[in-house]
Amino acid sequence: ILSGGAKKRREAIEFYDKNNRPELAQ
């Protein structure tokens, strides 16, 4: 459960960084 949550956050960070959304990535 915890690893899955962490993985989702990492993927979201990568997505937001690629799409120039630093506030959401933060």
Full PDB file with SEQRES, HELIX, SHEET, SSBOND, CRYST1, ORIGX, SCALE, CONECT and MASTER records, all heavy atoms in Angstrom:
SEQRES   1 A   26  ILE LEU SER GLY GLY ALA LYS LYS ARG ARG GLU ALA ILE          
SEQRES   2 A   26  GLU PHE TYR ASP LYS ASN ASN ARG PRO GLU LEU ALA GLN          
HELIX    1 AA1 LEU A    2  LYS A   18  1                                  17    
HELIX    2 AA2 PRO A   22  ALA A   25  1                                   4    
CRYST1    1.000    1.000    1.000  90.00  90.00  90.00 P 1           1          
ORIGX1      1.000000  0.000000  0.000000        0.00000                         
ORIGX2      0.000000  1.000000  0.000000        0.00000                         
ORIGX3      0.000000  0.000000  1.000000        0.00000                         
SCALE1      1.000000  0.000000  0.000000        0.00000                         
SCALE2      0.000000  1.000000  0.000000        0.00000                         
SCALE3      0.000000  0.000000  1.000000        0.00000                         
ATOM      1  N   ILE A   1       0.839  -1.203   0.000  1.00  0.00           N  
ATOM      2  CA  ILE A   1       0.000   0.000   0.000  1.00  0.00           C  
ATOM      3  C   ILE A   1       0.873   1.252   0.000  1.00  0.00           C  
ATOM      4  O   ILE A   1       0.666   2.174  -0.793  1.00  0.00           O  
ATOM      5  CB  ILE A   1      -0.971  -0.010   1.204  1.00  0.00           C  
ATOM      6  CG1 ILE A   1      -2.055  -1.070   0.988  1.00  0.00           C  
ATOM      7  CG2 ILE A   1      -1.601   1.366   1.405  1.00  0.00           C  
ATOM      8  CD1 ILE A   1      -2.933  -1.331   2.196  1.00  0.00           C  
ATOM      9  N   LEU A   2       1.865   1.279   0.882  1.00  0.00           N  
ATOM     10  CA  LEU A   2       2.743   2.445   0.970  1.00  0.00           C  
ATOM     11  C   LEU A   2       3.601   2.594  -0.286  1.00  0.00           C  
ATOM     12  O   LEU A   2       3.756   3.697  -0.814  1.00  0.00           O  
ATOM     13  CB  LEU A   2       3.632   2.339   2.206  1.00  0.00           C  
ATOM     14  CG  LEU A   2       2.905   2.453   3.542  1.00  0.00           C  
ATOM     15  CD1 LEU A   2       3.831   2.089   4.691  1.00  0.00           C  
ATOM     16  CD2 LEU A   2       2.322   3.835   3.732  1.00  0.00           C  
ATOM     17  N   SER A   3       4.138   1.494  -0.780  1.00  0.00           N  
ATOM     18  CA  SER A   3       4.958   1.544  -1.998  1.00  0.00           C  
ATOM     19  C   SER A   3       4.129   1.990  -3.194  1.00  0.00           C  
ATOM     20  O   SER A   3       4.604   2.741  -4.045  1.00  0.00           O  
ATOM     21  CB  SER A   3       5.579   0.176  -2.286  1.00  0.00           C  
ATOM     22  OG  SER A   3       6.462  -0.187  -1.269  1.00  0.00           O  
ATOM     23  N   GLY A   4       2.896   1.517  -3.258  1.00  0.00           N  
ATOM     24  CA  GLY A   4       2.005   1.924  -4.348  1.00  0.00           C  
ATOM     25  C   GLY A   4       1.726   3.421  -4.313  1.00  0.00           C  
ATOM     26  O   GLY A   4       1.742   4.096  -5.344  1.00  0.00           O  
ATOM     27  N   GLY A   5       1.488   3.941  -3.113  1.00  0.00           N  
ATOM     28  CA  GLY A   5       1.276   5.383  -2.965  1.00  0.00           C  
ATOM     29  C   GLY A   5       2.503   6.181  -3.357  1.00  0.00           C  
ATOM     30  O   GLY A   5       2.404   7.216  -4.031  1.00  0.00           O  
ATOM     31  N   ALA A   6       3.679   5.689  -2.959  1.00  0.00           N  
ATOM     32  CA  ALA A   6       4.927   6.377  -3.308  1.00  0.00           C  
ATOM     33  C   ALA A   6       5.153   6.338  -4.815  1.00  0.00           C  
ATOM     34  O   ALA A   6       5.559   7.341  -5.421  1.00  0.00           O  
ATOM     35  CB  ALA A   6       6.096   5.741  -2.577  1.00  0.00           C  
ATOM     36  N   LYS A   7       4.867   5.201  -5.421  1.00  0.00           N  
ATOM     37  CA  LYS A   7       5.055   5.066  -6.874  1.00  0.00           C  
ATOM     38  C   LYS A   7       4.137   6.032  -7.634  1.00  0.00           C  
ATOM     39  O   LYS A   7       4.558   6.677  -8.591  1.00  0.00           O  
ATOM     40  CB  LYS A   7       4.771   3.628  -7.305  1.00  0.00           C  
ATOM     41  CG  LYS A   7       4.982   3.394  -8.783  1.00  0.00           C  
ATOM     42  CD  LYS A   7       4.710   1.956  -9.170  1.00  0.00           C  
ATOM     43  CE  LYS A   7       4.910   1.773 -10.662  1.00  0.00           C  
ATOM     44  NZ  LYS A   7       4.571   0.416 -11.083  1.00  0.00           N  
ATOM     45  N   LYS A   8       2.898   6.145  -7.188  1.00  0.00           N  
ATOM     46  CA  LYS A   8       1.959   7.078  -7.829  1.00  0.00           C  
ATOM     47  C   LYS A   8       2.479   8.505  -7.744  1.00  0.00           C  
ATOM     48  O   LYS A   8       2.390   9.270  -8.708  1.00  0.00           O  
ATOM     49  CB  LYS A   8       0.580   6.999  -7.165  1.00  0.00           C  
ATOM     50  CG  LYS A   8      -0.186   5.768  -7.506  1.00  0.00           C  
ATOM     51  CD  LYS A   8      -1.511   5.741  -6.761  1.00  0.00           C  
ATOM     52  CE  LYS A   8      -2.199   4.410  -6.932  1.00  0.00           C  
ATOM     53  NZ  LYS A   8      -3.402   4.286  -6.106  1.00  0.00           N  
ATOM     54  N   ARG A   9       3.025   8.855  -6.582  1.00  0.00           N  
ATOM     55  CA  ARG A   9       3.547  10.222  -6.418  1.00  0.00           C  
ATOM     56  C   ARG A   9       4.750  10.455  -7.324  1.00  0.00           C  
ATOM     57  O   ARG A   9       4.871  11.503  -7.948  1.00  0.00           O  
ATOM     58  CB  ARG A   9       3.967  10.467  -4.965  1.00  0.00           C  
ATOM     59  CG  ARG A   9       2.901  10.664  -3.878  1.00  0.00           C  
ATOM     60  CD  ARG A   9       1.493  10.734  -4.282  1.00  0.00           C  
ATOM     61  NE  ARG A   9       0.528  10.949  -3.246  1.00  0.00           N  
ATOM     62  CZ  ARG A   9      -0.213   9.994  -2.687  1.00  0.00           C  
ATOM     63  NH1 ARG A   9      -0.066   8.730  -3.008  1.00  0.00           N  
ATOM     64  NH2 ARG A   9      -1.148  10.308  -1.798  1.00  0.00           N  
ATOM     65  N   ARG A  10       5.660   9.461  -7.415  1.00  0.00           N  
ATOM     66  CA  ARG A  10       6.837   9.611  -8.292  1.00  0.00           C  
ATOM     67  C   ARG A  10       6.418   9.793  -9.749  1.00  0.00           C  
ATOM     68  O   ARG A  10       6.982  10.621 -10.468  1.00  0.00           O  
ATOM     69  CB  ARG A  10       7.754   8.395  -8.171  1.00  0.00           C  
ATOM     70  CG  ARG A  10       8.595   8.399  -6.932  1.00  0.00           C  
ATOM     71  CD  ARG A  10       9.645   7.289  -6.958  1.00  0.00           C  
ATOM     72  NE  ARG A  10      10.047   6.985  -5.613  1.00  0.00           N  
ATOM     73  CZ  ARG A  10       9.570   5.972  -4.885  1.00  0.00           C  
ATOM     74  NH1 ARG A  10       8.698   5.135  -5.389  1.00  0.00           N  
ATOM     75  NH2 ARG A  10       9.982   5.795  -3.653  1.00  0.00           N  
ATOM     76  N   GLU A  11       5.447   9.001 -10.185  1.00  0.00           N  
ATOM     77  CA  GLU A  11       4.967   9.103 -11.567  1.00  0.00           C  
ATOM     78  C   GLU A  11       4.323  10.465 -11.806  1.00  0.00           C  
ATOM     79  O   GLU A  11       4.508  11.068 -12.861  1.00  0.00           O  
ATOM     80  CB  GLU A  11       3.985   7.975 -11.874  1.00  0.00           C  
ATOM     81  CG  GLU A  11       4.653   6.623 -11.964  1.00  0.00           C  
ATOM     82  CD  GLU A  11       3.671   5.463 -12.040  1.00  0.00           C  
ATOM     83  OE1 GLU A  11       2.442   5.683 -11.893  1.00  0.00           O  
ATOM     84  OE2 GLU A  11       4.136   4.329 -12.243  1.00  0.00           O  
ATOM     85  N   ALA A  12       3.570  10.952 -10.837  1.00  0.00           N  
ATOM     86  CA  ALA A  12       2.932  12.259 -10.968  1.00  0.00           C  
ATOM     87  C   ALA A  12       3.981  13.368 -11.023  1.00  0.00           C  
ATOM     88  O   ALA A  12       3.856  14.310 -11.820  1.00  0.00           O  
ATOM     89  CB  ALA A  12       1.968  12.499  -9.807  1.00  0.00           C  
ATOM     90  N   ILE A  13       5.023  13.249 -10.201  1.00  0.00           N  
ATOM     91  CA  ILE A  13       6.098  14.250 -10.214  1.00  0.00           C  
ATOM     92  C   ILE A  13       6.736  14.290 -11.593  1.00  0.00           C  
ATOM     93  O   ILE A  13       6.944  15.371 -12.162  1.00  0.00           O  
ATOM     94  CB  ILE A  13       7.159  13.934  -9.127  1.00  0.00           C  
ATOM     95  CG1 ILE A  13       6.571  14.173  -7.736  1.00  0.00           C  
ATOM     96  CG2 ILE A  13       8.420  14.762  -9.336  1.00  0.00           C  
ATOM     97  CD1 ILE A  13       7.411  13.594  -6.599  1.00  0.00           C  
ATOM     98  N   GLU A  14       7.038  13.120 -12.130  1.00  0.00           N  
ATOM     99  CA  GLU A  14       7.649  13.041 -13.459  1.00  0.00           C  
ATOM    100  C   GLU A  14       6.738  13.670 -14.516  1.00  0.00           C  
ATOM    101  O   GLU A  14       7.178  14.453 -15.359  1.00  0.00           O  
ATOM    102  CB  GLU A  14       7.921  11.570 -13.796  1.00  0.00           C  
ATOM    103  CG  GLU A  14       8.713  11.347 -15.048  1.00  0.00           C  
ATOM    104  CD  GLU A  14       9.008   9.872 -15.265  1.00  0.00           C  
ATOM    105  OE1 GLU A  14       9.322   9.159 -14.293  1.00  0.00           O  
ATOM    106  OE2 GLU A  14       8.909   9.445 -16.432  1.00  0.00           O  
ATOM    107  N   PHE A  15       5.452  13.357 -14.449  1.00  0.00           N  
ATOM    108  CA  PHE A  15       4.477  13.894 -15.405  1.00  0.00           C  
ATOM    109  C   PHE A  15       4.384  15.416 -15.299  1.00  0.00           C  
ATOM    110  O   PHE A  15       4.432  16.119 -16.307  1.00  0.00           O  
ATOM    111  CB  PHE A  15       3.108  13.263 -15.155  1.00  0.00           C  
ATOM    112  CG  PHE A  15       2.025  13.803 -16.037  1.00  0.00           C  
ATOM    113  CD1 PHE A  15       1.897  13.386 -17.343  1.00  0.00           C  
ATOM    114  CD2 PHE A  15       1.122  14.745 -15.550  1.00  0.00           C  
ATOM    115  CE1 PHE A  15       0.897  13.880 -18.167  1.00  0.00           C  
ATOM    116  CE2 PHE A  15       0.127  15.255 -16.358  1.00  0.00           C  
ATOM    117  CZ  PHE A  15       0.012  14.819 -17.671  1.00  0.00           C  
ATOM    118  N   TYR A  16       4.261  15.920 -14.080  1.00  0.00           N  
ATOM    119  CA  TYR A  16       4.130  17.372 -13.896  1.00  0.00           C  
ATOM    120  C   TYR A  16       5.403  18.118 -14.288  1.00  0.00           C  
ATOM    121  O   TYR A  16       5.341  19.219 -14.833  1.00  0.00           O  
ATOM    122  CB  TYR A  16       3.745  17.705 -12.453  1.00  0.00           C  
ATOM    123  CG  TYR A  16       2.338  17.283 -12.096  1.00  0.00           C  
ATOM    124  CD1 TYR A  16       2.058  16.713 -10.858  1.00  0.00           C  
ATOM    125  CD2 TYR A  16       1.283  17.453 -12.989  1.00  0.00           C  
ATOM    126  CE1 TYR A  16       0.763  16.329 -10.522  1.00  0.00           C  
ATOM    127  CE2 TYR A  16      -0.012  17.065 -12.659  1.00  0.00           C  
ATOM    128  CZ  TYR A  16      -0.255  16.511 -11.430  1.00  0.00           C  
ATOM    129  OH  TYR A  16      -1.534  16.132 -11.098  1.00  0.00           O  
ATOM    130  N   ASP A  17       6.563  17.513 -14.005  1.00  0.00           N  
ATOM    131  CA  ASP A  17       7.819  18.144 -14.423  1.00  0.00           C  
ATOM    132  C   ASP A  17       7.907  18.229 -15.946  1.00  0.00           C  
ATOM    133  O   ASP A  17       8.344  19.243 -16.487  1.00  0.00           O  
ATOM    134  CB  ASP A  17       9.028  17.386 -13.865  1.00  0.00           C  
ATOM    135  CG  ASP A  17       9.268  17.676 -12.389  1.00  0.00           C  
ATOM    136  OD1 ASP A  17       8.741  18.705 -11.898  1.00  0.00           O  
ATOM    137  OD2 ASP A  17       9.972  16.882 -11.740  1.00  0.00           O  
ATOM    138  N   LYS A  18       7.502  17.169 -16.636  1.00  0.00           N  
ATOM    139  CA  LYS A  18       7.546  17.165 -18.102  1.00  0.00           C  
ATOM    140  C   LYS A  18       6.597  18.191 -18.701  1.00  0.00           C  
ATOM    141  O   LYS A  18       6.855  18.740 -19.762  1.00  0.00           O  
ATOM    142  CB  LYS A  18       7.162  15.783 -18.650  1.00  0.00           C  
ATOM    143  CG  LYS A  18       8.255  14.762 -18.563  1.00  0.00           C  
ATOM    144  CD  LYS A  18       7.803  13.452 -19.163  1.00  0.00           C  
ATOM    145  CE  LYS A  18       8.867  12.398 -19.012  1.00  0.00           C  
ATOM    146  NZ  LYS A  18       8.391  11.087 -19.489  1.00  0.00           N  
ATOM    147  N   ASN A  19       5.482  18.428 -18.018  1.00  0.00           N  
ATOM    148  CA  ASN A  19       4.465  19.322 -18.541  1.00  0.00           C  
ATOM    149  C   ASN A  19       4.515  20.713 -17.919  1.00  0.00           C  
ATOM    150  O   ASN A  19       3.527  21.453 -17.957  1.00  0.00           O  
ATOM    151  CB  ASN A  19       3.077  18.694 -18.366  1.00  0.00           C  
ATOM    152  CG  ASN A  19       2.915  17.505 -19.266  1.00  0.00           C  
ATOM    153  OD1 ASN A  19       2.912  17.635 -20.480  1.00  0.00           O  
ATOM    154  ND2 ASN A  19       2.819  16.321 -18.679  1.00  0.00           N  
ATOM    155  N   ASN A  20       5.659  21.049 -17.341  1.00  0.00           N  
ATOM    156  CA  ASN A  20       5.902  22.389 -16.814  1.00  0.00           C  
ATOM    157  C   ASN A  20       4.848  22.843 -15.806  1.00  0.00           C  
ATOM    158  O   ASN A  20       4.274  23.923 -15.930  1.00  0.00           O  
ATOM    159  CB  ASN A  20       6.035  23.399 -17.968  1.00  0.00           C  
ATOM    160  CG  ASN A  20       6.700  24.671 -17.514  1.00  0.00           C  
ATOM    161  OD1 ASN A  20       7.481  24.670 -16.572  1.00  0.00           O  
ATOM    162  ND2 ASN A  20       6.389  25.770 -18.181  1.00  0.00           N  
ATOM    163  N   ARG A  21       4.604  21.984 -14.812  1.00  0.00           N  
ATOM    164  CA  ARG A  21       3.663  22.309 -13.734  1.00  0.00           C  
ATOM    165  C   ARG A  21       4.378  22.171 -12.391  1.00  0.00           C  
ATOM    166  O   ARG A  21       4.121  21.253 -11.614  1.00  0.00           O  
ATOM    167  CB  ARG A  21       2.454  21.372 -13.775  1.00  0.00           C  
ATOM    168  CG  ARG A  21       1.594  21.447 -15.027  1.00  0.00           C  
ATOM    169  CD  ARG A  21       0.925  22.800 -15.240  1.00  0.00           C  
ATOM    170  NE  ARG A  21       0.154  23.289 -14.131  1.00  0.00           N  
ATOM    171  CZ  ARG A  21      -1.154  23.126 -13.973  1.00  0.00           C  
ATOM    172  NH1 ARG A  21      -1.848  22.482 -14.869  1.00  0.00           N  
ATOM    173  NH2 ARG A  21      -1.763  23.622 -12.918  1.00  0.00           N  
ATOM    174  N   PRO A  22       5.320  23.079 -12.108  1.00  0.00           N  
ATOM    175  CA  PRO A  22       6.143  22.939 -10.900  1.00  0.00           C  
ATOM    176  C   PRO A  22       5.352  22.990  -9.596  1.00  0.00           C  
ATOM    177  O   PRO A  22       5.727  22.332  -8.621  1.00  0.00           O  
ATOM    178  CB  PRO A  22       7.126  24.104 -11.002  1.00  0.00           C  
ATOM    179  CG  PRO A  22       6.488  25.077 -11.932  1.00  0.00           C  
ATOM    180  CD  PRO A  22       5.645  24.274 -12.873  1.00  0.00           C  
ATOM    181  N   GLU A  23       4.251  23.738  -9.568  1.00  0.00           N  
ATOM    182  CA  GLU A  23       3.476  23.831  -8.325  1.00  0.00           C  
ATOM    183  C   GLU A  23       2.814  22.497  -7.980  1.00  0.00           C  
ATOM    184  O   GLU A  23       2.763  22.092  -6.819  1.00  0.00           O  
ATOM    185  CB  GLU A  23       2.433  24.959  -8.407  1.00  0.00           C  
ATOM    186  CG  GLU A  23       1.269  24.733  -9.358  1.00  0.00           C  
ATOM    187  CD  GLU A  23       1.577  24.873 -10.854  1.00  0.00           C  
ATOM    188  OE1 GLU A  23       2.680  25.299 -11.216  1.00  0.00           O  
ATOM    189  OE2 GLU A  23       0.679  24.555 -11.664  1.00  0.00           O  
ATOM    190  N   LEU A  24       2.336  21.771  -8.997  1.00  0.00           N  
ATOM    191  CA  LEU A  24       1.726  20.462  -8.755  1.00  0.00           C  
ATOM    192  C   LEU A  24       2.804  19.423  -8.428  1.00  0.00           C  
ATOM    193  O   LEU A  24       2.591  18.560  -7.580  1.00  0.00           O  
ATOM    194  CB  LEU A  24       0.904  20.031  -9.966  1.00  0.00           C  
ATOM    195  CG  LEU A  24      -0.323  20.898 -10.272  1.00  0.00           C  
ATOM    196  CD1 LEU A  24      -0.987  20.467 -11.570  1.00  0.00           C  
ATOM    197  CD2 LEU A  24      -1.313  20.845  -9.119  1.00  0.00           C  
ATOM    198  N   ALA A  25       3.942  19.521  -9.096  1.00  0.00           N  
ATOM    199  CA  ALA A  25       5.051  18.602  -8.822  1.00  0.00           C  
ATOM    200  C   ALA A  25       5.520  18.771  -7.375  1.00  0.00           C  
ATOM    201  O   ALA A  25       5.820  17.786  -6.688  1.00  0.00           O  
ATOM    202  CB  ALA A  25       6.194  18.841  -9.795  1.00  0.00           C  
ATOM    203  N   GLN A  26       5.570  20.009  -6.902  1.00  0.00           N  
ATOM    204  CA  GLN A  26       6.006  20.269  -5.528  1.00  0.00           C  
ATOM    205  C   GLN A  26       5.046  19.651  -4.513  1.00  0.00           C  
ATOM    206  O   GLN A  26       5.475  19.072  -3.516  1.00  0.00           O  
ATOM    207  CB  GLN A  26       6.147  21.783  -5.286  1.00  0.00           C  
ATOM    208  CG  GLN A  26       6.621  22.143  -3.900  1.00  0.00           C  
ATOM    209  CD  GLN A  26       7.956  21.517  -3.532  1.00  0.00           C  
ATOM    210  OE1 GLN A  26       8.831  21.339  -4.375  1.00  0.00           O  
ATOM    211  NE2 GLN A  26       8.110  21.154  -2.276  1.00  0.00           N  
TER     212      GLN A  26                                                      
MASTER        0    0    0    2    0    0    0    6  211    1    0    2          
END                                                                             
